[in-house]
Each structure stands twice: as structure tokens, then as C-alpha cells.
Amino acid sequence: MASRKKEKYSQILEAALKVIAENGFHGSQVAKIAKEAGVADGTIYLYFKNKEDILISLFRERLGDLVDMFNSRIEETDSAKTALRKICEIHYNELESNVNLAYVTQIELRQSSLELRQEIGLAVKPYIELIGQVLRKGMDEGDFRSDLDVKLTRHLIFGAMDEVVTSWLISGRKYSLSAQVDKTVEFFLRGLEQG
């Protein structure tokens, strides 16, 4: 029974991702999400309090999956430089391969209320902290400058990748997002490495 419930929960989130990407958060009624998921409107409320809760859960689940992927891939790396490259590769590759997720994370987040953005910010926090861990590792290894402000730098790195994805979407996805990894990482390393 628990696995069927989890399956239904995932089905609703996947439907919400598609509906919100196509219609925007404000243009996405719960009824549209229910129809896309193939469930009755009332079923949605067995899993979520309201539409905002669906969006927050979507961010929490999808970003949680990304952070899990980052952690497993970073464990395989031998240096902070390689770990930073892995983070950038995953970030770009995952959003390029899931355009609906890219639209929701890049476009809809910016159009949400402050309260909703703050909730979603909590879902992003483990990702930001992971970037901070990689920076500290690089500092400890002597590969990155010892005078880095880790709190500021982790936001700069996340923000830069975030903006690259947003620009890619706004351009109509006219080029490969994953092809931007090398130049992005090269730019980061120029600012991070010891002189």
C-alpha cells in the first residue's frame, strides 16, 4: 500500500511539473494537475494542502534528487576541482534533459510570492551547502585560495549557473546547455585557484 501511495504522489508531482511548465504557476489550477495525473481533484488534497504545497514539494523532491546525485558523484572524485566540474555538469545536464523542470525552477520561482520563494529557498539550501563543502575541501587541499569567503562564493557559483540556465531558456534553447560546462568551470577556477 505504501508503494502505491508513493507512486501516486510521484505521479501527481510529475503532472504538476508538466502543467506548471506549460501554463505557469498562476495559470495552473489543481483541476488541471489532477486531470494530467489521471486522478480526481479531491485525490490531490490527500497528498497536498494546496497548489503552493505542490510547488514546494516539487522543489523539495527534485532538488533532493539532484543533491543525492551530486553527493554520489562527488564521492567518486579525487579533488575539489573535479567535484566542482561534476556539480556544474549535473546542473546543466539535468536541466537540459528535463526542460519542464528547468522552466519551473528558473521562471516560475521568480514569479512566486516572497513567502513561497522563502519556502523553496529552504529546499535549495542543501545544494548551496554542498557547494560550500566543495569550496572548503579545495581550500583545505590548497587548490583554492585560502582567503575565500565561502558563504558568498557558494552563492556566486550557484547564481552564475542559475543565470546561465535562465539565459538558455530565454534564448529559446538555441544552443546546448551542457556545452557551457567547460567555460563555466574555467571561469570559476580562475577566481578560486591559488595565484
N, C-alpha and C. Protein backbone atom coordinates (compact mmCIF):
# COMPACT_ATOMS: atom_id res chain seq x y z
N MET A 1 0.83 -1.20 0.00
CA MET A 1 0.00 0.00 0.00
C MET A 1 0.87 1.26 0.00
N ALA A 2 1.93 1.23 0.79
CA ALA A 2 2.80 2.41 0.89
C ALA A 2 3.44 2.72 -0.46
N SER A 3 3.80 1.69 -1.21
CA SER A 3 4.43 1.92 -2.51
C SER A 3 3.43 2.51 -3.51
N ARG A 4 2.15 2.09 -3.42
CA ARG A 4 1.12 2.67 -4.30
C ARG A 4 0.89 4.14 -3.98
N LYS A 5 0.95 4.45 -2.69
CA LYS A 5 0.78 5.84 -2.26
C LYS A 5 1.94 6.71 -2.77
N LYS A 6 3.14 6.18 -2.65
CA LYS A 6 4.33 6.89 -3.13
C LYS A 6 4.27 7.07 -4.64
N GLU A 7 3.78 6.04 -5.32
CA GLU A 7 3.65 6.10 -6.78
C GLU A 7 2.65 7.19 -7.19
N LYS A 8 1.53 7.27 -6.49
CA LYS A 8 0.51 8.28 -6.78
C LYS A 8 1.06 9.69 -6.50
N TYR A 9 1.79 9.83 -5.40
CA TYR A 9 2.42 11.10 -5.02
C TYR A 9 3.36 11.55 -6.15
N SER A 10 4.21 10.64 -6.62
CA SER A 10 5.15 10.95 -7.70
C SER A 10 4.42 11.28 -9.00
N GLN A 11 3.33 10.57 -9.27
CA GLN A 11 2.52 10.80 -10.46
C GLN A 11 1.93 12.22 -10.44
N ILE A 12 1.46 12.64 -9.28
CA ILE A 12 0.89 14.00 -9.14
C ILE A 12 1.98 15.04 -9.33
N LEU A 13 3.15 14.81 -8.73
CA LEU A 13 4.25 15.78 -8.87
C LEU A 13 4.70 15.89 -10.32
N GLU A 14 4.78 14.77 -11.01
CA GLU A 14 5.19 14.79 -12.42
C GLU A 14 4.16 15.54 -13.26
N ALA A 15 2.88 15.32 -12.97
CA ALA A 15 1.82 16.04 -13.68
C ALA A 15 1.90 17.54 -13.38
N ALA A 16 2.15 17.88 -12.12
CA ALA A 16 2.25 19.29 -11.73
C ALA A 16 3.41 19.95 -12.45
N LEU A 17 4.52 19.26 -12.56
CA LEU A 17 5.69 19.80 -13.26
C LEU A 17 5.32 20.16 -14.70
N LYS A 18 4.65 19.26 -15.38
CA LYS A 18 4.25 19.48 -16.78
C LYS A 18 3.25 20.64 -16.89
N VAL A 19 2.22 20.61 -16.05
CA VAL A 19 1.17 21.63 -16.11
C VAL A 19 1.71 23.02 -15.79
N ILE A 20 2.54 23.11 -14.75
CA ILE A 20 3.10 24.41 -14.34
C ILE A 20 4.07 24.93 -15.41
N ALA A 21 4.86 24.03 -16.00
CA ALA A 21 5.79 24.45 -17.06
C ALA A 21 5.02 24.98 -18.27
N GLU A 22 3.88 24.38 -18.59
CA GLU A 22 3.11 24.78 -19.76
C GLU A 22 2.23 26.01 -19.51
N ASN A 23 1.69 26.14 -18.28
CA ASN A 23 0.69 27.18 -18.00
C ASN A 23 1.14 28.24 -17.02
N GLY A 24 2.31 28.06 -16.41
CA GLY A 24 2.73 28.96 -15.35
C GLY A 24 2.04 28.57 -14.05
N PHE A 25 2.62 28.96 -12.94
CA PHE A 25 2.06 28.58 -11.65
C PHE A 25 0.66 29.15 -11.47
N HIS A 26 0.48 30.42 -11.80
CA HIS A 26 -0.81 31.07 -11.58
C HIS A 26 -1.88 30.57 -12.53
N GLY A 27 -1.49 30.08 -13.70
CA GLY A 27 -2.45 29.55 -14.66
C GLY A 27 -2.70 28.06 -14.51
N SER A 28 -2.14 27.46 -13.48
CA SER A 28 -2.28 26.02 -13.27
C SER A 28 -3.23 25.73 -12.11
N GLN A 29 -4.45 25.39 -12.47
CA GLN A 29 -5.41 25.03 -11.43
C GLN A 29 -5.16 23.59 -10.98
N VAL A 30 -5.56 23.33 -9.75
CA VAL A 30 -5.44 21.97 -9.20
C VAL A 30 -6.18 20.98 -10.09
N ALA A 31 -7.31 21.40 -10.66
CA ALA A 31 -8.09 20.53 -11.55
C ALA A 31 -7.27 20.11 -12.77
N LYS A 32 -6.47 21.04 -13.32
CA LYS A 32 -5.61 20.71 -14.48
C LYS A 32 -4.55 19.68 -14.08
N ILE A 33 -3.99 19.88 -12.90
CA ILE A 33 -2.95 18.95 -12.41
C ILE A 33 -3.57 17.57 -12.19
N ALA A 34 -4.76 17.53 -11.59
CA ALA A 34 -5.45 16.26 -11.34
C ALA A 34 -5.75 15.55 -12.66
N LYS A 35 -6.23 16.30 -13.65
CA LYS A 35 -6.55 15.71 -14.95
C LYS A 35 -5.30 15.11 -15.59
N GLU A 36 -4.19 15.87 -15.56
CA GLU A 36 -2.93 15.39 -16.14
C GLU A 36 -2.43 14.14 -15.41
N ALA A 37 -2.65 14.10 -14.11
CA ALA A 37 -2.20 12.95 -13.30
C ALA A 37 -3.15 11.77 -13.42
N GLY A 38 -4.36 12.01 -13.96
CA GLY A 38 -5.33 10.94 -14.09
C GLY A 38 -5.99 10.58 -12.77
N VAL A 39 -6.16 11.59 -11.90
CA VAL A 39 -6.79 11.37 -10.60
C VAL A 39 -7.93 12.37 -10.41
N ALA A 40 -8.80 12.09 -9.46
CA ALA A 40 -9.88 13.02 -9.12
C ALA A 40 -9.29 14.24 -8.41
N ASP A 41 -9.95 15.39 -8.57
CA ASP A 41 -9.47 16.62 -7.93
C ASP A 41 -9.22 16.42 -6.44
N GLY A 42 -10.16 15.74 -5.78
CA GLY A 42 -10.07 15.53 -4.33
C GLY A 42 -8.86 14.70 -3.92
N THR A 43 -8.40 13.84 -4.83
CA THR A 43 -7.23 13.00 -4.52
C THR A 43 -6.00 13.85 -4.26
N ILE A 44 -5.89 14.96 -4.97
CA ILE A 44 -4.74 15.86 -4.80
C ILE A 44 -4.63 16.26 -3.32
N TYR A 45 -5.78 16.55 -2.71
CA TYR A 45 -5.79 17.05 -1.33
C TYR A 45 -5.50 15.96 -0.29
N LEU A 46 -5.44 14.72 -0.72
CA LEU A 46 -4.99 13.65 0.18
C LEU A 46 -3.47 13.70 0.35
N TYR A 47 -2.79 14.33 -0.61
CA TYR A 47 -1.34 14.38 -0.63
C TYR A 47 -0.77 15.79 -0.37
N PHE A 48 -1.54 16.81 -0.73
CA PHE A 48 -1.05 18.19 -0.64
C PHE A 48 -2.12 19.10 -0.06
N LYS A 49 -1.68 20.12 0.69
CA LYS A 49 -2.62 21.07 1.30
C LYS A 49 -3.27 21.98 0.25
N ASN A 50 -2.45 22.43 -0.71
CA ASN A 50 -2.92 23.36 -1.73
C ASN A 50 -1.90 23.40 -2.88
N LYS A 51 -2.14 24.26 -3.84
CA LYS A 51 -1.26 24.35 -5.02
C LYS A 51 0.16 24.77 -4.62
N GLU A 52 0.27 25.69 -3.65
CA GLU A 52 1.59 26.13 -3.19
C GLU A 52 2.37 24.96 -2.60
N ASP A 53 1.67 24.10 -1.85
CA ASP A 53 2.31 22.92 -1.25
C ASP A 53 2.82 21.97 -2.34
N ILE A 54 2.09 21.89 -3.45
CA ILE A 54 2.55 21.06 -4.57
C ILE A 54 3.86 21.61 -5.11
N LEU A 55 3.93 22.92 -5.33
CA LEU A 55 5.15 23.53 -5.87
C LEU A 55 6.32 23.36 -4.92
N ILE A 56 6.10 23.59 -3.64
CA ILE A 56 7.17 23.42 -2.64
C ILE A 56 7.64 21.97 -2.62
N SER A 57 6.70 21.03 -2.64
CA SER A 57 7.05 19.60 -2.64
C SER A 57 7.83 19.23 -3.89
N LEU A 58 7.44 19.82 -5.01
CA LEU A 58 8.12 19.58 -6.28
C LEU A 58 9.58 20.00 -6.18
N PHE A 59 9.82 21.19 -5.65
CA PHE A 59 11.19 21.66 -5.47
C PHE A 59 11.95 20.76 -4.49
N ARG A 60 11.32 20.45 -3.38
CA ARG A 60 11.98 19.63 -2.35
C ARG A 60 12.38 18.27 -2.92
N GLU A 61 11.46 17.63 -3.64
CA GLU A 61 11.73 16.30 -4.21
C GLU A 61 12.80 16.35 -5.30
N ARG A 62 12.60 17.23 -6.27
CA ARG A 62 13.52 17.27 -7.42
C ARG A 62 14.91 17.76 -7.01
N LEU A 63 14.97 18.78 -6.17
CA LEU A 63 16.29 19.25 -5.71
C LEU A 63 16.93 18.23 -4.79
N GLY A 64 16.11 17.53 -4.01
CA GLY A 64 16.63 16.45 -3.17
C GLY A 64 17.27 15.36 -4.02
N ASP A 65 16.61 15.02 -5.13
CA ASP A 65 17.17 14.02 -6.05
C ASP A 65 18.49 14.51 -6.62
N LEU A 66 18.55 15.80 -6.99
CA LEU A 66 19.79 16.36 -7.54
C LEU A 66 20.92 16.34 -6.52
N VAL A 67 20.60 16.73 -5.28
CA VAL A 67 21.63 16.74 -4.24
C VAL A 67 22.14 15.32 -3.98
N ASP A 68 21.24 14.34 -3.99
CA ASP A 68 21.66 12.94 -3.84
C ASP A 68 22.60 12.54 -4.97
N MET A 69 22.26 12.97 -6.19
CA MET A 69 23.11 12.67 -7.35
C MET A 69 24.47 13.35 -7.21
N PHE A 70 24.46 14.62 -6.78
CA PHE A 70 25.72 15.34 -6.57
C PHE A 70 26.58 14.60 -5.56
N ASN A 71 25.99 14.23 -4.43
CA ASN A 71 26.74 13.56 -3.37
C ASN A 71 27.36 12.25 -3.86
N SER A 72 26.60 11.45 -4.58
CA SER A 72 27.15 10.17 -5.04
C SER A 72 28.26 10.38 -6.07
N ARG A 73 28.11 11.37 -6.95
CA ARG A 73 29.14 11.60 -7.96
C ARG A 73 30.38 12.27 -7.36
N ILE A 74 30.18 13.11 -6.37
CA ILE A 74 31.31 13.80 -5.75
C ILE A 74 32.16 12.82 -4.95
N GLU A 75 31.52 11.81 -4.37
CA GLU A 75 32.28 10.79 -3.63
C GLU A 75 33.29 10.09 -4.53
N GLU A 76 32.98 10.04 -5.83
CA GLU A 76 33.86 9.38 -6.79
C GLU A 76 35.03 10.27 -7.22
N THR A 77 35.02 11.54 -6.84
CA THR A 77 36.04 12.47 -7.31
C THR A 77 37.23 12.51 -6.36
N ASP A 78 38.37 12.91 -6.90
CA ASP A 78 39.59 12.95 -6.09
C ASP A 78 40.00 14.36 -5.69
N SER A 79 39.32 15.38 -6.20
CA SER A 79 39.69 16.74 -5.85
C SER A 79 38.47 17.66 -5.87
N ALA A 80 38.60 18.80 -5.25
CA ALA A 80 37.52 19.79 -5.23
C ALA A 80 37.28 20.34 -6.63
N LYS A 81 38.33 20.47 -7.42
CA LYS A 81 38.17 20.96 -8.80
C LYS A 81 37.28 20.00 -9.60
N THR A 82 37.54 18.72 -9.47
CA THR A 82 36.74 17.72 -10.17
C THR A 82 35.32 17.71 -9.64
N ALA A 83 35.16 17.88 -8.34
CA ALA A 83 33.83 17.91 -7.73
C ALA A 83 33.03 19.11 -8.25
N LEU A 84 33.68 20.24 -8.37
CA LEU A 84 33.01 21.44 -8.89
C LEU A 84 32.56 21.21 -10.34
N ARG A 85 33.40 20.57 -11.12
CA ARG A 85 33.04 20.25 -12.51
C ARG A 85 31.82 19.32 -12.53
N LYS A 86 31.81 18.31 -11.65
CA LYS A 86 30.68 17.38 -11.59
C LYS A 86 29.38 18.11 -11.26
N ILE A 87 29.44 19.03 -10.30
CA ILE A 87 28.26 19.80 -9.92
C ILE A 87 27.73 20.57 -11.12
N CYS A 88 28.61 21.23 -11.83
CA CYS A 88 28.20 22.02 -12.99
C CYS A 88 27.64 21.12 -14.10
N GLU A 89 28.30 20.00 -14.35
CA GLU A 89 27.83 19.05 -15.37
C GLU A 89 26.42 18.56 -15.04
N ILE A 90 26.23 18.14 -13.82
CA ILE A 90 24.91 17.61 -13.42
C ILE A 90 23.86 18.71 -13.51
N HIS A 91 24.19 19.88 -13.00
CA HIS A 91 23.25 21.00 -13.01
C HIS A 91 22.77 21.28 -14.44
N TYR A 92 23.70 21.44 -15.36
CA TYR A 92 23.35 21.76 -16.74
C TYR A 92 22.69 20.56 -17.45
N ASN A 93 23.26 19.37 -17.30
CA ASN A 93 22.73 18.20 -17.99
C ASN A 93 21.31 17.85 -17.55
N GLU A 94 21.07 17.89 -16.24
CA GLU A 94 19.75 17.53 -15.74
C GLU A 94 18.68 18.53 -16.18
N LEU A 95 19.00 19.81 -16.16
CA LEU A 95 18.01 20.80 -16.57
C LEU A 95 17.84 20.82 -18.09
N GLU A 96 18.90 20.52 -18.82
CA GLU A 96 18.76 20.44 -20.28
C GLU A 96 17.91 19.23 -20.68
N SER A 97 18.04 18.15 -19.94
CA SER A 97 17.28 16.94 -20.29
C SER A 97 15.85 16.96 -19.74
N ASN A 98 15.57 17.87 -18.80
CA ASN A 98 14.21 17.99 -18.26
C ASN A 98 13.79 19.45 -18.35
N VAL A 99 13.35 19.84 -19.53
CA VAL A 99 13.03 21.24 -19.80
C VAL A 99 11.89 21.73 -18.91
N ASN A 100 10.92 20.87 -18.61
CA ASN A 100 9.84 21.28 -17.71
C ASN A 100 10.39 21.68 -16.35
N LEU A 101 11.31 20.89 -15.83
CA LEU A 101 11.94 21.23 -14.55
C LEU A 101 12.71 22.54 -14.65
N ALA A 102 13.39 22.73 -15.76
CA ALA A 102 14.13 23.97 -15.96
C ALA A 102 13.19 25.17 -15.94
N TYR A 103 12.07 25.08 -16.66
CA TYR A 103 11.11 26.20 -16.67
C TYR A 103 10.57 26.49 -15.28
N VAL A 104 10.21 25.44 -14.58
CA VAL A 104 9.61 25.65 -13.25
C VAL A 104 10.65 26.23 -12.28
N THR A 105 11.87 25.70 -12.29
CA THR A 105 12.88 26.19 -11.33
C THR A 105 13.40 27.58 -11.71
N GLN A 106 13.48 27.87 -12.99
CA GLN A 106 14.08 29.13 -13.41
C GLN A 106 13.08 30.27 -13.56
N ILE A 107 11.94 29.97 -14.13
CA ILE A 107 10.98 31.03 -14.48
C ILE A 107 9.91 31.18 -13.40
N GLU A 108 9.29 30.09 -13.01
CA GLU A 108 8.17 30.17 -12.06
C GLU A 108 8.61 30.61 -10.68
N LEU A 109 9.77 30.18 -10.26
CA LEU A 109 10.26 30.56 -8.93
C LEU A 109 10.31 32.08 -8.79
N ARG A 110 10.74 32.76 -9.82
CA ARG A 110 10.90 34.21 -9.78
C ARG A 110 9.57 34.96 -9.78
N GLN A 111 8.50 34.27 -10.18
CA GLN A 111 7.20 34.92 -10.25
C GLN A 111 6.33 34.59 -9.04
N SER A 112 6.84 33.81 -8.12
CA SER A 112 6.08 33.39 -6.95
C SER A 112 6.14 34.46 -5.87
N SER A 113 5.27 34.33 -4.89
CA SER A 113 5.26 35.26 -3.76
C SER A 113 6.53 35.10 -2.93
N LEU A 114 6.84 36.11 -2.16
CA LEU A 114 8.02 36.08 -1.30
C LEU A 114 7.96 34.89 -0.35
N GLU A 115 6.80 34.65 0.24
CA GLU A 115 6.64 33.54 1.18
C GLU A 115 6.93 32.21 0.51
N LEU A 116 6.43 32.03 -0.70
CA LEU A 116 6.67 30.80 -1.45
C LEU A 116 8.15 30.67 -1.82
N ARG A 117 8.76 31.78 -2.24
CA ARG A 117 10.19 31.75 -2.58
C ARG A 117 11.04 31.39 -1.36
N GLN A 118 10.63 31.86 -0.18
CA GLN A 118 11.38 31.54 1.04
C GLN A 118 11.29 30.04 1.35
N GLU A 119 10.10 29.46 1.17
CA GLU A 119 9.92 28.02 1.38
C GLU A 119 10.79 27.23 0.41
N ILE A 120 10.78 27.66 -0.85
CA ILE A 120 11.58 26.97 -1.87
C ILE A 120 13.07 27.17 -1.58
N GLY A 121 13.41 28.33 -1.04
CA GLY A 121 14.80 28.59 -0.65
C GLY A 121 15.32 27.56 0.35
N LEU A 122 14.44 27.09 1.22
CA LEU A 122 14.82 26.04 2.18
C LEU A 122 15.14 24.74 1.45
N ALA A 123 14.44 24.48 0.35
CA ALA A 123 14.70 23.28 -0.45
C ALA A 123 16.04 23.39 -1.19
N VAL A 124 16.43 24.62 -1.54
CA VAL A 124 17.69 24.86 -2.27
C VAL A 124 18.90 24.83 -1.32
N LYS A 125 18.65 25.08 -0.04
CA LYS A 125 19.74 25.22 0.94
C LYS A 125 20.74 24.05 0.95
N PRO A 126 20.29 22.77 0.92
CA PRO A 126 21.29 21.68 0.91
C PRO A 126 22.22 21.73 -0.30
N TYR A 127 21.71 22.21 -1.43
CA TYR A 127 22.53 22.34 -2.63
C TYR A 127 23.60 23.41 -2.41
N ILE A 128 23.20 24.55 -1.87
CA ILE A 128 24.13 25.65 -1.60
C ILE A 128 25.20 25.18 -0.59
N GLU A 129 24.76 24.44 0.42
CA GLU A 129 25.69 23.93 1.43
C GLU A 129 26.69 22.94 0.83
N LEU A 130 26.22 22.14 -0.12
CA LEU A 130 27.11 21.19 -0.80
C LEU A 130 28.21 21.94 -1.55
N ILE A 131 27.86 23.00 -2.25
CA ILE A 131 28.86 23.81 -2.95
C ILE A 131 29.86 24.36 -1.94
N GLY A 132 29.38 24.79 -0.78
CA GLY A 132 30.26 25.29 0.28
C GLY A 132 31.24 24.22 0.76
N GLN A 133 30.76 22.99 0.88
CA GLN A 133 31.64 21.88 1.30
C GLN A 133 32.76 21.65 0.28
N VAL A 134 32.42 21.74 -0.99
CA VAL A 134 33.41 21.56 -2.05
C VAL A 134 34.44 22.70 -1.97
N LEU A 135 33.99 23.91 -1.73
CA LEU A 135 34.91 25.04 -1.61
C LEU A 135 35.87 24.85 -0.43
N ARG A 136 35.32 24.43 0.71
CA ARG A 136 36.18 24.21 1.89
C ARG A 136 37.20 23.09 1.63
N LYS A 137 36.76 22.05 0.93
CA LYS A 137 37.67 20.94 0.57
C LYS A 137 38.82 21.48 -0.29
N GLY A 138 38.50 22.32 -1.26
CA GLY A 138 39.52 22.90 -2.13
C GLY A 138 40.48 23.78 -1.36
N MET A 139 39.95 24.50 -0.37
CA MET A 139 40.81 25.36 0.47
C MET A 139 41.73 24.48 1.33
N ASP A 140 41.15 23.42 1.91
CA ASP A 140 41.94 22.50 2.75
C ASP A 140 43.03 21.80 1.95
N GLU A 141 42.73 21.49 0.69
CA GLU A 141 43.70 20.80 -0.17
C GLU A 141 44.76 21.76 -0.72
N GLY A 142 44.52 23.06 -0.56
CA GLY A 142 45.46 24.05 -1.08
C GLY A 142 45.25 24.38 -2.55
N ASP A 143 44.17 23.84 -3.15
CA ASP A 143 43.87 24.14 -4.55
C ASP A 143 43.15 25.46 -4.72
N PHE A 144 42.34 25.82 -3.73
CA PHE A 144 41.59 27.07 -3.78
C PHE A 144 42.20 28.08 -2.82
N ARG A 145 42.01 29.33 -3.12
CA ARG A 145 42.57 30.41 -2.30
C ARG A 145 42.11 30.26 -0.84
N SER A 146 42.99 30.55 0.06
CA SER A 146 42.68 30.42 1.49
C SER A 146 41.83 31.57 2.02
N ASP A 147 41.75 32.65 1.24
CA ASP A 147 41.00 33.82 1.70
C ASP A 147 39.58 33.89 1.13
N LEU A 148 39.08 32.77 0.58
CA LEU A 148 37.73 32.77 0.02
C LEU A 148 36.70 33.00 1.12
N ASP A 149 35.70 33.78 0.82
CA ASP A 149 34.53 33.92 1.68
C ASP A 149 33.57 32.83 1.19
N VAL A 150 33.55 31.69 1.88
CA VAL A 150 32.80 30.52 1.42
C VAL A 150 31.30 30.83 1.27
N LYS A 151 30.74 31.53 2.25
CA LYS A 151 29.30 31.82 2.19
C LYS A 151 28.94 32.63 0.95
N LEU A 152 29.73 33.65 0.66
CA LEU A 152 29.47 34.47 -0.51
C LEU A 152 29.77 33.70 -1.79
N THR A 153 30.89 33.01 -1.84
CA THR A 153 31.32 32.33 -3.06
C THR A 153 30.37 31.22 -3.47
N ARG A 154 29.83 30.49 -2.50
CA ARG A 154 28.89 29.41 -2.86
C ARG A 154 27.64 29.98 -3.52
N HIS A 155 27.21 31.17 -3.08
CA HIS A 155 26.05 31.82 -3.70
C HIS A 155 26.40 32.35 -5.08
N LEU A 156 27.61 32.86 -5.24
CA LEU A 156 28.06 33.35 -6.55
C LEU A 156 28.09 32.21 -7.57
N ILE A 157 28.59 31.05 -7.16
CA ILE A 157 28.67 29.90 -8.06
C ILE A 157 27.26 29.43 -8.43
N PHE A 158 26.42 29.25 -7.42
CA PHE A 158 25.05 28.81 -7.70
C PHE A 158 24.34 29.83 -8.59
N GLY A 159 24.48 31.10 -8.25
CA GLY A 159 23.81 32.17 -9.00
C GLY A 159 24.27 32.24 -10.45
N ALA A 160 25.56 32.02 -10.67
CA ALA A 160 26.09 32.05 -12.03
C ALA A 160 25.50 30.91 -12.86
N MET A 161 25.49 29.70 -12.30
CA MET A 161 24.92 28.56 -13.03
C MET A 161 23.43 28.78 -13.28
N ASP A 162 22.75 29.29 -12.28
CA ASP A 162 21.32 29.59 -12.36
C ASP A 162 21.05 30.55 -13.51
N GLU A 163 21.85 31.59 -13.63
CA GLU A 163 21.66 32.59 -14.68
C GLU A 163 21.96 32.02 -16.07
N VAL A 164 22.95 31.13 -16.17
CA VAL A 164 23.26 30.50 -17.45
C VAL A 164 22.05 29.69 -17.93
N VAL A 165 21.42 28.97 -17.01
CA VAL A 165 20.24 28.17 -17.37
C VAL A 165 19.08 29.09 -17.78
N THR A 166 18.86 30.16 -17.04
CA THR A 166 17.78 31.09 -17.36
C THR A 166 18.01 31.71 -18.74
N SER A 167 19.23 32.12 -19.03
CA SER A 167 19.54 32.71 -20.35
C SER A 167 19.31 31.71 -21.47
N TRP A 168 19.66 30.45 -21.22
CA TRP A 168 19.45 29.37 -22.20
C TRP A 168 17.95 29.21 -22.50
N LEU A 169 17.13 29.25 -21.45
CA LEU A 169 15.68 29.12 -21.64
C LEU A 169 15.12 30.32 -22.40
N ILE A 170 15.51 31.51 -21.97
CA ILE A 170 15.00 32.74 -22.59
C ILE A 170 15.40 32.82 -24.06
N SER A 171 16.57 32.29 -24.40
CA SER A 171 17.03 32.31 -25.80
C SER A 171 16.24 31.33 -26.68
N GLY A 172 15.40 30.53 -26.05
CA GLY A 172 14.66 29.53 -26.82
C GLY A 172 15.43 28.23 -26.97
N ARG A 173 16.42 28.03 -26.09
CA ARG A 173 17.24 26.81 -26.08
C ARG A 173 17.91 26.61 -27.45
N LYS A 174 18.50 27.68 -27.97
CA LYS A 174 19.10 27.67 -29.31
C LYS A 174 20.50 27.04 -29.33
N TYR A 175 21.02 26.69 -28.18
CA TYR A 175 22.35 26.10 -28.10
C TYR A 175 22.33 25.05 -26.99
N SER A 176 23.39 24.29 -26.92
CA SER A 176 23.49 23.23 -25.92
C SER A 176 23.90 23.81 -24.57
N LEU A 177 23.09 23.54 -23.57
CA LEU A 177 23.42 23.99 -22.21
C LEU A 177 24.61 23.22 -21.68
N SER A 178 24.64 21.92 -21.90
CA SER A 178 25.75 21.11 -21.39
C SER A 178 27.09 21.49 -22.03
N ALA A 179 27.05 22.09 -23.22
CA ALA A 179 28.29 22.53 -23.88
C ALA A 179 28.90 23.75 -23.18
N GLN A 180 28.17 24.33 -22.22
CA GLN A 180 28.66 25.50 -21.49
C GLN A 180 29.48 25.13 -20.26
N VAL A 181 29.58 23.84 -19.94
CA VAL A 181 30.25 23.40 -18.72
C VAL A 181 31.71 23.83 -18.68
N ASP A 182 32.47 23.55 -19.73
CA ASP A 182 33.91 23.84 -19.72
C ASP A 182 34.20 25.32 -19.45
N LYS A 183 33.52 26.20 -20.17
CA LYS A 183 33.77 27.63 -19.98
C LYS A 183 33.32 28.10 -18.61
N THR A 184 32.23 27.54 -18.12
CA THR A 184 31.74 27.92 -16.78
C THR A 184 32.75 27.52 -15.72
N VAL A 185 33.21 26.28 -15.77
CA VAL A 185 34.15 25.78 -14.77
C VAL A 185 35.48 26.53 -14.87
N GLU A 186 35.93 26.79 -16.08
CA GLU A 186 37.16 27.55 -16.27
C GLU A 186 37.05 28.93 -15.62
N PHE A 187 35.91 29.57 -15.79
CA PHE A 187 35.67 30.88 -15.18
C PHE A 187 35.72 30.78 -13.65
N PHE A 188 35.03 29.78 -13.10
CA PHE A 188 35.03 29.60 -11.65
C PHE A 188 36.45 29.38 -11.12
N LEU A 189 37.18 28.50 -11.77
CA LEU A 189 38.52 28.15 -11.28
C LEU A 189 39.48 29.33 -11.31
N ARG A 190 39.33 30.21 -12.28
CA ARG A 190 40.19 31.41 -12.33
C ARG A 190 40.03 32.26 -11.08
N GLY A 191 38.84 32.30 -10.55
CA GLY A 191 38.60 33.07 -9.33
C GLY A 191 38.91 32.31 -8.05
N LEU A 192 38.90 30.98 -8.14
CA LEU A 192 39.05 30.16 -6.93
C LEU A 192 40.48 29.71 -6.65
N GLU A 193 41.24 29.47 -7.72
CA GLU A 193 42.56 28.86 -7.56
C GLU A 193 43.57 29.82 -6.92
N GLN A 194 44.55 29.19 -6.28
CA GLN A 194 45.69 29.95 -5.71
C GLN A 194 46.40 30.66 -6.85
N GLY A 195 46.89 31.87 -6.58
CA GLY A 195 47.54 32.68 -7.61
C GLY A 195 48.84 32.19 -8.09
